[in-house]
């Protein structure tokens, strides 16, 4: 979002609720604003706007404004239906999508 900061969804270590129809767990996560270097540590990272070819990104100012409104909020997390990629693609394109799993 600027000045070395990112807004992201991170696990807060809350207890998992196992879904009855699968072995995938659903948890709660928190939206945080942190320095990118503190989030990634020594891991490699990259900007991934892979859906830009098929979807129209929203204006950057709107994305940042909406992302900042989520800071500190607890959100549902499910690896298949509501993961961190769903969160950022909803901000960027207006609809959450993920091909991670």
Foldseek 3Di string as FASTA:
>chain_A
DDPQKDKWKAAPPDDWDADPVDRWTKDKTAIAIDGPCVVQVPHDDDDDPPCVVPAPWDDPVQLVVVSVVRHGPIGMDTPVPHHGQQVSCCSTGVGGDDPPD
